[in-house]
Amino acid sequence: MAKATLPHSLAAHLKVRPFKCMHNLNRRGLWVAVFGPDGAGKSAVIKRLADDVPAPLCGTQQFHFRPMFRLEWNESPATTTPHGRAPRSALVAIVKLLYWLADCWYGYVFIALPARTGSRLVIFDRYLDDILIDPLRYRLPKSSLWFARLAVSLAPRPDLYILLDVPAEIVQQRKAEVSAAESQRQRLAYREMFRSLPNACVVDAVPPVDEVAEELKAVILESLDRQATTRGRASLAAHA
């Protein structure tokens, strides 16, 4: 399976899985954002990860796009026409972006940070960066895109970005909610975005869901090991 080297309003959904495990002082939790177009298999892969949490971690918390300031699970119908609604006015869009940015910081302080110290895995199905890939989905007019870029730059950063990469023709076979040309545009836009992101990984999402989930588990464990190594070096340097 091909994988890039690790280098570098939607209803929000949260589900907290109960867990029992001893907190591992040598392990920290991880905040992961998973990206990809509709049809990439994000929801199915995230569900597999939640059902089979990598061993060093003690449970999962799942979100869709943003935390929505609350810790509860709200089921909502799947979007079948992501470009079906007209963009908001520029002023309303800017207010909405400010609200989303505040929500992201709320999630960072009250969810991501405690999860890191509690050895839990926080998974976002999309994150704020997604508004730059498909502004029509988020009803953002062109006149607000400058502020969207600013909001994304000011948002807290996940520990790991993962792109489920799927050719446009396969996306169309799985879920033809946008045109073939739009699917191709989005794929190229995601790949371009991931070239500039830190701690980012591109995973081939064409194989069956179980194989993709295993690949994501390997990427997550590699990221945890890398963080542990970095902390160990920092600790040695501090005591030198």
C-alpha atoms as a PDB file:
ATOM      1  CA  MET A   1       0.000   0.000   0.000  1.00  0.00           C
ATOM      2  CA  ALA A   2       1.410   3.370  -0.995  1.00  0.00           C
ATOM      3  CA  LYS A   3       1.977   5.842   1.785  1.00  0.00           C
ATOM      4  CA  ALA A   4       3.785   9.149   1.823  1.00  0.00           C
ATOM      5  CA  THR A   5       6.617   9.443   4.277  1.00  0.00           C
ATOM      6  CA  LEU A   6       5.685  11.188   7.466  1.00  0.00           C
ATOM      7  CA  PRO A   7       7.110  14.699   7.146  1.00  0.00           C
ATOM      8  CA  HIS A   8       5.575  16.852   7.723  1.00  0.00           C
ATOM      9  CA  SER A   9     -23.175  24.421   9.019  1.00  0.00           C
ATOM     10  CA  LEU A  10     -22.138  20.832   9.283  1.00  0.00           C
ATOM     11  CA  ALA A  11     -23.510  19.114  12.373  1.00  0.00           C
ATOM     12  CA  ALA A  12     -20.626  18.129  14.606  1.00  0.00           C
ATOM     13  CA  HIS A  13     -20.568  14.647  16.022  1.00  0.00           C
ATOM     14  CA  LEU A  14     -18.760  13.394  19.081  1.00  0.00           C
ATOM     15  CA  LYS A  15     -18.698   9.943  20.532  1.00  0.00           C
ATOM     16  CA  VAL A  16     -16.716   9.038  23.629  1.00  0.00           C
ATOM     17  CA  ARG A  17     -15.889   5.363  23.923  1.00  0.00           C
ATOM     18  CA  PRO A  18     -15.794   4.012  27.479  1.00  0.00           C
ATOM     19  CA  PHE A  19     -12.497   2.426  28.360  1.00  0.00           C
ATOM     20  CA  LYS A  20     -10.599   0.889  31.211  1.00  0.00           C
ATOM     21  CA  CYS A  21      -6.834   1.066  31.219  1.00  0.00           C
ATOM     22  CA  MET A  22      -3.990   2.270  33.340  1.00  0.00           C
ATOM     23  CA  HIS A  23      -2.636   5.656  32.310  1.00  0.00           C
ATOM     24  CA  ASN A  24       0.800   5.172  30.760  1.00  0.00           C
ATOM     25  CA  LEU A  25       3.106   7.933  31.921  1.00  0.00           C
ATOM     26  CA  ASN A  26       5.486   7.173  29.066  1.00  0.00           C
ATOM     27  CA  ARG A  27       2.781   7.573  26.431  1.00  0.00           C
ATOM     28  CA  ARG A  28       0.768  10.585  25.480  1.00  0.00           C
ATOM     29  CA  GLY A  29      -2.468  10.677  23.572  1.00  0.00           C
ATOM     30  CA  LEU A  30      -2.743  11.852  20.006  1.00  0.00           C
ATOM     31  CA  TRP A  31      -4.975  14.279  18.125  1.00  0.00           C
ATOM     32  CA  VAL A  32      -5.533  13.137  14.540  1.00  0.00           C
ATOM     33  CA  ALA A  33      -7.434  14.844  11.706  1.00  0.00           C
ATOM     34  CA  VAL A  34      -8.505  12.631   8.797  1.00  0.00           C
ATOM     35  CA  PHE A  35      -9.201  14.264   5.419  1.00  0.00           C
ATOM     36  CA  GLY A  36     -10.527  13.101   2.086  1.00  0.00           C
ATOM     37  CA  PRO A  37     -13.513  13.565  -0.215  1.00  0.00           C
ATOM     38  CA  ASP A  38     -16.908  11.975   0.335  1.00  0.00           C
ATOM     39  CA  GLY A  39     -16.386   8.401  -0.793  1.00  0.00           C
ATOM     40  CA  ALA A  40     -12.857   8.071   0.562  1.00  0.00           C
ATOM     41  CA  GLY A  41     -14.128   5.926   3.435  1.00  0.00           C
ATOM     42  CA  LYS A  42     -13.315   8.275   6.319  1.00  0.00           C
ATOM     43  CA  SER A  43     -16.302   7.323   8.492  1.00  0.00           C
ATOM     44  CA  ALA A  44     -15.816   3.583   8.030  1.00  0.00           C
ATOM     45  CA  VAL A  45     -12.070   3.730   8.724  1.00  0.00           C
ATOM     46  CA  ILE A  46     -12.531   5.894  11.816  1.00  0.00           C
ATOM     47  CA  LYS A  47     -15.144   3.454  13.115  1.00  0.00           C
ATOM     48  CA  ARG A  48     -12.666   0.582  12.691  1.00  0.00           C
ATOM     49  CA  LEU A  49     -10.054   2.546  14.630  1.00  0.00           C
ATOM     50  CA  ALA A  50     -12.537   3.277  17.416  1.00  0.00           C
ATOM     51  CA  ASP A  51     -13.428  -0.407  17.646  1.00  0.00           C
ATOM     52  CA  ASP A  52      -9.782  -1.459  17.750  1.00  0.00           C
ATOM     53  CA  VAL A  53      -7.789   1.250  19.505  1.00  0.00           C
ATOM     54  CA  PRO A  54      -3.995   0.904  19.082  1.00  0.00           C
ATOM     55  CA  ALA A  55      -2.603  -0.740  22.215  1.00  0.00           C
ATOM     56  CA  PRO A  56      -0.719   2.189  23.818  1.00  0.00           C
ATOM     57  CA  LEU A  57      -3.888   4.311  23.796  1.00  0.00           C
ATOM     58  CA  CYS A  58      -6.785   4.102  26.243  1.00  0.00           C
ATOM     59  CA  GLY A  59      -9.855   5.072  24.222  1.00  0.00           C
ATOM     60  CA  THR A  60     -11.133   7.341  21.484  1.00  0.00           C
ATOM     61  CA  GLN A  61     -13.127  10.525  21.045  1.00  0.00           C
ATOM     62  CA  GLN A  62     -14.608  11.186  17.599  1.00  0.00           C
ATOM     63  CA  PHE A  63     -15.680  14.455  16.033  1.00  0.00           C
ATOM     64  CA  HIS A  64     -17.023  15.619  12.719  1.00  0.00           C
ATOM     65  CA  PHE A  65     -15.285  18.828  11.562  1.00  0.00           C
ATOM     66  CA  ARG A  66     -15.392  20.599  14.946  1.00  0.00           C
ATOM     67  CA  PRO A  67     -16.294  19.971  18.646  1.00  0.00           C
ATOM     68  CA  MET A  68     -19.475  22.123  18.706  1.00  0.00           C
ATOM     69  CA  PHE A  69     -18.754  23.134  22.321  1.00  0.00           C
ATOM     70  CA  ARG A  70     -20.312  20.009  23.801  1.00  0.00           C
ATOM     71  CA  LEU A  71     -19.535  16.403  24.540  1.00  0.00           C
ATOM     72  CA  GLU A  72     -22.534  14.522  23.206  1.00  0.00           C
ATOM     73  CA  TRP A  73     -23.391  12.418  20.187  1.00  0.00           C
ATOM     74  CA  ASN A  74     -25.967  13.852  17.803  1.00  0.00           C
ATOM     75  CA  GLU A  75     -26.982  11.714  14.862  1.00  0.00           C
ATOM     76  CA  SER A  76     -27.833  13.670  11.717  1.00  0.00           C
ATOM     77  CA  PRO A  77     -28.694  12.673   8.129  1.00  0.00           C
ATOM     78  CA  ALA A  78     -25.733  12.282   5.774  1.00  0.00           C
ATOM     79  CA  THR A  79     -25.245  15.141   3.336  1.00  0.00           C
ATOM     80  CA  THR A  80     -26.007  14.000  -0.205  1.00  0.00           C
ATOM     81  CA  THR A  81     -25.834  17.419  -1.876  1.00  0.00           C
ATOM     82  CA  PRO A  82     -22.805  19.173  -0.340  1.00  0.00           C
ATOM     83  CA  HIS A  83     -23.073  22.022  -2.854  1.00  0.00           C
ATOM     84  CA  GLY A  84     -26.843  22.266  -2.716  1.00  0.00           C
ATOM     85  CA  ARG A  85     -27.153  25.453  -0.662  1.00  0.00           C
ATOM     86  CA  ALA A  86     -26.224  28.972  -1.705  1.00  0.00           C
ATOM     87  CA  PRO A  87     -23.215  30.680  -0.080  1.00  0.00           C
ATOM     88  CA  ARG A  88     -23.789  32.967   2.880  1.00  0.00           C
ATOM     89  CA  SER A  89     -23.183  36.686   2.667  1.00  0.00           C
ATOM     90  CA  ALA A  90     -19.585  37.750   3.323  1.00  0.00           C
ATOM     91  CA  LEU A  91     -20.437  39.255   6.723  1.00  0.00           C
ATOM     92  CA  VAL A  92     -22.346  36.203   7.916  1.00  0.00           C
ATOM     93  CA  ALA A  93     -19.568  33.952   6.652  1.00  0.00           C
ATOM     94  CA  ILE A  94     -16.934  35.891   8.624  1.00  0.00           C
ATOM     95  CA  VAL A  95     -19.026  35.672  11.798  1.00  0.00           C
ATOM     96  CA  LYS A  96     -19.438  31.939  11.202  1.00  0.00           C
ATOM     97  CA  LEU A  97     -15.695  31.524  10.710  1.00  0.00           C
ATOM     98  CA  LEU A  98     -15.018  33.322  13.994  1.00  0.00           C
ATOM     99  CA  TYR A  99     -17.464  30.984  15.720  1.00  0.00           C
ATOM    100  CA  TRP A 100     -15.768  27.917  14.216  1.00  0.00           C
ATOM    101  CA  LEU A 101     -12.350  29.229  15.225  1.00  0.00           C
ATOM    102  CA  ALA A 102     -13.508  29.739  18.817  1.00  0.00           C
ATOM    103  CA  ASP A 103     -14.956  26.227  18.784  1.00  0.00           C
ATOM    104  CA  CYS A 104     -11.640  24.787  17.607  1.00  0.00           C
ATOM    105  CA  TRP A 105      -9.808  26.461  20.479  1.00  0.00           C
ATOM    106  CA  TYR A 106     -12.458  25.206  22.902  1.00  0.00           C
ATOM    107  CA  GLY A 107     -11.861  21.688  21.598  1.00  0.00           C
ATOM    108  CA  TYR A 108      -8.117  22.076  21.942  1.00  0.00           C
ATOM    109  CA  VAL A 109      -8.213  23.282  25.544  1.00  0.00           C
ATOM    110  CA  PHE A 110     -10.987  21.060  26.884  1.00  0.00           C
ATOM    111  CA  ILE A 111     -10.653  17.947  24.706  1.00  0.00           C
ATOM    112  CA  ALA A 112      -7.309  17.614  22.893  1.00  0.00           C
ATOM    113  CA  LEU A 113      -5.049  18.613  25.794  1.00  0.00           C
ATOM    114  CA  PRO A 114      -6.764  16.344  28.362  1.00  0.00           C
ATOM    115  CA  ALA A 115      -6.729  13.512  25.823  1.00  0.00           C
ATOM    116  CA  ARG A 116      -3.000  13.908  25.304  1.00  0.00           C
ATOM    117  CA  THR A 117      -2.268  13.625  29.023  1.00  0.00           C
ATOM    118  CA  GLY A 118      -4.810  10.814  29.375  1.00  0.00           C
ATOM    119  CA  SER A 119      -3.338   8.647  26.600  1.00  0.00           C
ATOM    120  CA  ARG A 120      -6.479   8.878  24.453  1.00  0.00           C
ATOM    121  CA  LEU A 121      -6.935   9.151  20.714  1.00  0.00           C
ATOM    122  CA  VAL A 122      -8.930  12.129  19.423  1.00  0.00           C
ATOM    123  CA  ILE A 123     -10.043  11.700  15.799  1.00  0.00           C
ATOM    124  CA  PHE A 124     -11.599  14.383  13.627  1.00  0.00           C
ATOM    125  CA  ASP A 125     -13.418  13.439  10.433  1.00  0.00           C
ATOM    126  CA  ARG A 126     -12.309  16.594   8.578  1.00  0.00           C
ATOM    127  CA  TYR A 127     -11.061  19.695  10.397  1.00  0.00           C
ATOM    128  CA  LEU A 128     -11.069  23.445   9.844  1.00  0.00           C
ATOM    129  CA  ASP A 129      -8.489  23.241   7.025  1.00  0.00           C
ATOM    130  CA  ASP A 130     -11.178  21.542   4.936  1.00  0.00           C
ATOM    131  CA  ILE A 131     -12.929  24.867   4.337  1.00  0.00           C
ATOM    132  CA  LEU A 132     -10.074  25.862   2.011  1.00  0.00           C
ATOM    133  CA  ILE A 133     -10.490  22.710  -0.084  1.00  0.00           C
ATOM    134  CA  ASP A 134     -14.248  22.916  -0.597  1.00  0.00           C
ATOM    135  CA  PRO A 135     -15.614  26.337   0.449  1.00  0.00           C
ATOM    136  CA  LEU A 136     -18.926  25.640  -1.314  1.00  0.00           C
ATOM    137  CA  ARG A 137     -19.606  22.784   1.129  1.00  0.00           C
ATOM    138  CA  TYR A 138     -19.287  25.285   3.974  1.00  0.00           C
ATOM    139  CA  ARG A 139     -21.272  27.974   2.142  1.00  0.00           C
ATOM    140  CA  LEU A 140     -18.362  30.395   2.028  1.00  0.00           C
ATOM    141  CA  PRO A 141     -18.458  33.079  -0.688  1.00  0.00           C
ATOM    142  CA  LYS A 142     -15.273  33.963  -2.548  1.00  0.00           C
ATOM    143  CA  SER A 143     -15.189  37.344  -0.809  1.00  0.00           C
ATOM    144  CA  SER A 144     -14.674  35.590   2.570  1.00  0.00           C
ATOM    145  CA  LEU A 145     -11.864  33.248   1.532  1.00  0.00           C
ATOM    146  CA  TRP A 146      -9.135  35.626   2.714  1.00  0.00           C
ATOM    147  CA  PHE A 147     -10.618  35.450   6.204  1.00  0.00           C
ATOM    148  CA  ALA A 148     -11.034  31.671   5.928  1.00  0.00           C
ATOM    149  CA  ARG A 149      -7.283  31.378   5.289  1.00  0.00           C
ATOM    150  CA  LEU A 150      -6.597  33.585   8.304  1.00  0.00           C
ATOM    151  CA  ALA A 151      -8.918  31.522  10.526  1.00  0.00           C
ATOM    152  CA  VAL A 152      -7.196  28.307   9.488  1.00  0.00           C
ATOM    153  CA  SER A 153      -3.775  29.796  10.232  1.00  0.00           C
ATOM    154  CA  LEU A 154      -4.947  30.802  13.730  1.00  0.00           C
ATOM    155  CA  ALA A 155      -6.551  27.465  14.620  1.00  0.00           C
ATOM    156  CA  PRO A 156      -4.759  24.949  16.871  1.00  0.00           C
ATOM    157  CA  ARG A 157      -2.927  22.227  14.946  1.00  0.00           C
ATOM    158  CA  PRO A 158      -3.611  18.485  15.271  1.00  0.00           C
ATOM    159  CA  ASP A 159      -0.640  16.245  16.068  1.00  0.00           C
ATOM    160  CA  LEU A 160      -1.141  14.279  12.867  1.00  0.00           C
ATOM    161  CA  TYR A 161      -2.876  14.941   9.546  1.00  0.00           C
ATOM    162  CA  ILE A 162      -3.939  11.939   7.443  1.00  0.00           C
ATOM    163  CA  LEU A 163      -5.274  12.140   3.892  1.00  0.00           C
ATOM    164  CA  LEU A 164      -7.242   9.192   2.522  1.00  0.00           C
ATOM    165  CA  ASP A 165      -6.283   9.490  -1.113  1.00  0.00           C
ATOM    166  CA  VAL A 166      -8.628   8.030  -3.749  1.00  0.00           C
ATOM    167  CA  PRO A 167      -8.635   8.570  -7.539  1.00  0.00           C
ATOM    168  CA  ALA A 168     -11.564  10.664  -8.751  1.00  0.00           C
ATOM    169  CA  GLU A 169     -13.041   7.809 -10.805  1.00  0.00           C
ATOM    170  CA  ILE A 170     -13.266   5.569  -7.730  1.00  0.00           C
ATOM    171  CA  VAL A 171     -14.830   8.400  -5.697  1.00  0.00           C
ATOM    172  CA  GLN A 172     -17.460   8.693  -8.409  1.00  0.00           C
ATOM    173  CA  GLN A 173     -18.191   4.965  -8.212  1.00  0.00           C
ATOM    174  CA  ARG A 174     -18.550   5.066  -4.437  1.00  0.00           C
ATOM    175  CA  LYS A 175     -20.373   8.345  -3.915  1.00  0.00           C
ATOM    176  CA  ALA A 176     -21.112  10.574  -6.903  1.00  0.00           C
ATOM    177  CA  GLU A 177     -22.285  13.626  -4.943  1.00  0.00           C
ATOM    178  CA  VAL A 178     -20.263  16.096  -6.990  1.00  0.00           C
ATOM    179  CA  SER A 179     -19.129  16.074 -10.613  1.00  0.00           C
ATOM    180  CA  ALA A 180     -16.148  14.035 -11.807  1.00  0.00           C
ATOM    181  CA  ALA A 181     -14.280  17.270 -12.515  1.00  0.00           C
ATOM    182  CA  GLU A 182     -14.927  18.487  -8.966  1.00  0.00           C
ATOM    183  CA  SER A 183     -13.742  15.169  -7.510  1.00  0.00           C
ATOM    184  CA  GLN A 184     -10.495  15.499  -9.454  1.00  0.00           C
ATOM    185  CA  ARG A 185     -10.089  19.140  -8.396  1.00  0.00           C
ATOM    186  CA  GLN A 186     -10.561  18.214  -4.749  1.00  0.00           C
ATOM    187  CA  ARG A 187      -8.065  15.366  -4.956  1.00  0.00           C
ATOM    188  CA  LEU A 188      -5.394  17.655  -6.371  1.00  0.00           C
ATOM    189  CA  ALA A 189      -6.226  20.362  -3.797  1.00  0.00           C
ATOM    190  CA  TYR A 190      -5.904  17.913  -0.894  1.00  0.00           C
ATOM    191  CA  ARG A 191      -2.581  16.605  -2.173  1.00  0.00           C
ATOM    192  CA  GLU A 192      -1.274  20.151  -2.610  1.00  0.00           C
ATOM    193  CA  MET A 193      -2.383  21.096   0.908  1.00  0.00           C
ATOM    194  CA  PHE A 194      -0.646  18.048   2.390  1.00  0.00           C
ATOM    195  CA  ARG A 195       2.649  18.996   0.810  1.00  0.00           C
ATOM    196  CA  SER A 196       2.851  22.019   3.105  1.00  0.00           C
ATOM    197  CA  LEU A 197       1.400  20.528   6.310  1.00  0.00           C
ATOM    198  CA  PRO A 198       3.655  19.408   9.156  1.00  0.00           C
ATOM    199  CA  ASN A 199       3.230  15.875  10.490  1.00  0.00           C
ATOM    200  CA  ALA A 200       1.157  14.825   7.497  1.00  0.00           C
ATOM    201  CA  CYS A 201       0.715  11.471   5.814  1.00  0.00           C
ATOM    202  CA  VAL A 202      -1.051  10.388   2.612  1.00  0.00           C
ATOM    203  CA  VAL A 203      -2.607   6.909   2.704  1.00  0.00           C
ATOM    204  CA  ASP A 204      -3.924   4.971  -0.277  1.00  0.00           C
ATOM    205  CA  ALA A 205      -7.642   4.459   0.496  1.00  0.00           C
ATOM    206  CA  VAL A 206      -8.470   2.255  -2.503  1.00  0.00           C
ATOM    207  CA  PRO A 207      -7.994  -1.106  -0.672  1.00  0.00           C
ATOM    208  CA  PRO A 208     -10.694  -2.574   1.613  1.00  0.00           C
ATOM    209  CA  VAL A 209     -11.575  -0.656   4.777  1.00  0.00           C
ATOM    210  CA  ASP A 210      -9.847  -3.113   7.120  1.00  0.00           C
ATOM    211  CA  GLU A 211      -6.548  -2.748   5.254  1.00  0.00           C
ATOM    212  CA  VAL A 212      -6.778   1.045   5.268  1.00  0.00           C
ATOM    213  CA  ALA A 213      -7.586   1.027   8.997  1.00  0.00           C
ATOM    214  CA  GLU A 214      -4.501  -1.120   9.670  1.00  0.00           C
ATOM    215  CA  GLU A 215      -2.390   1.331   7.689  1.00  0.00           C
ATOM    216  CA  LEU A 216      -3.750   4.225   9.756  1.00  0.00           C
ATOM    217  CA  LYS A 217      -2.975   2.329  12.961  1.00  0.00           C
ATOM    218  CA  ALA A 218       0.616   1.896  11.795  1.00  0.00           C
ATOM    219  CA  VAL A 219       0.877   5.612  10.992  1.00  0.00           C
ATOM    220  CA  ILE A 220      -0.558   6.542  14.411  1.00  0.00           C
ATOM    221  CA  LEU A 221       1.854   4.232  16.245  1.00  0.00           C
ATOM    222  CA  GLU A 222       4.780   5.646  14.255  1.00  0.00           C
ATOM    223  CA  SER A 223       3.721   9.163  15.232  1.00  0.00           C
ATOM    224  CA  LEU A 224       3.474   8.162  18.911  1.00  0.00           C
ATOM    225  CA  ASP A 225       6.939   6.600  18.792  1.00  0.00           C
ATOM    226  CA  ARG A 226       8.376   9.690  17.137  1.00  0.00           C
ATOM    227  CA  GLN A 227       6.855  11.942  19.793  1.00  0.00           C
ATOM    228  CA  ALA A 228       8.211   9.718  22.576  1.00  0.00           C
ATOM    229  CA  THR A 229      11.681   9.865  21.026  1.00  0.00           C
ATOM    230  CA  THR A 230      11.489  13.658  20.741  1.00  0.00           C
ATOM    231  CA  ARG A 231      10.446  13.978  24.391  1.00  0.00           C
ATOM    232  CA  GLY A 232      13.232  11.636  25.456  1.00  0.00           C
ATOM    233  CA  ARG A 233      15.833  13.708  23.645  1.00  0.00           C
ATOM    234  CA  ALA A 234      14.434  16.920  25.130  1.00  0.00           C
ATOM    235  CA  SER A 235      14.573  15.393  28.614  1.00  0.00           C
ATOM    236  CA  LEU A 236      18.188  14.308  28.144  1.00  0.00           C
ATOM    237  CA  ALA A 237      19.121  17.756  26.880  1.00  0.00           C
ATOM    238  CA  ALA A 238      17.454  19.374  29.880  1.00  0.00           C
ATOM    239  CA  HIS A 239      19.459  17.219  32.285  1.00  0.00           C
ATOM    240  CA  ALA A 240      22.750  17.589  30.429  1.00  0.00           C
END
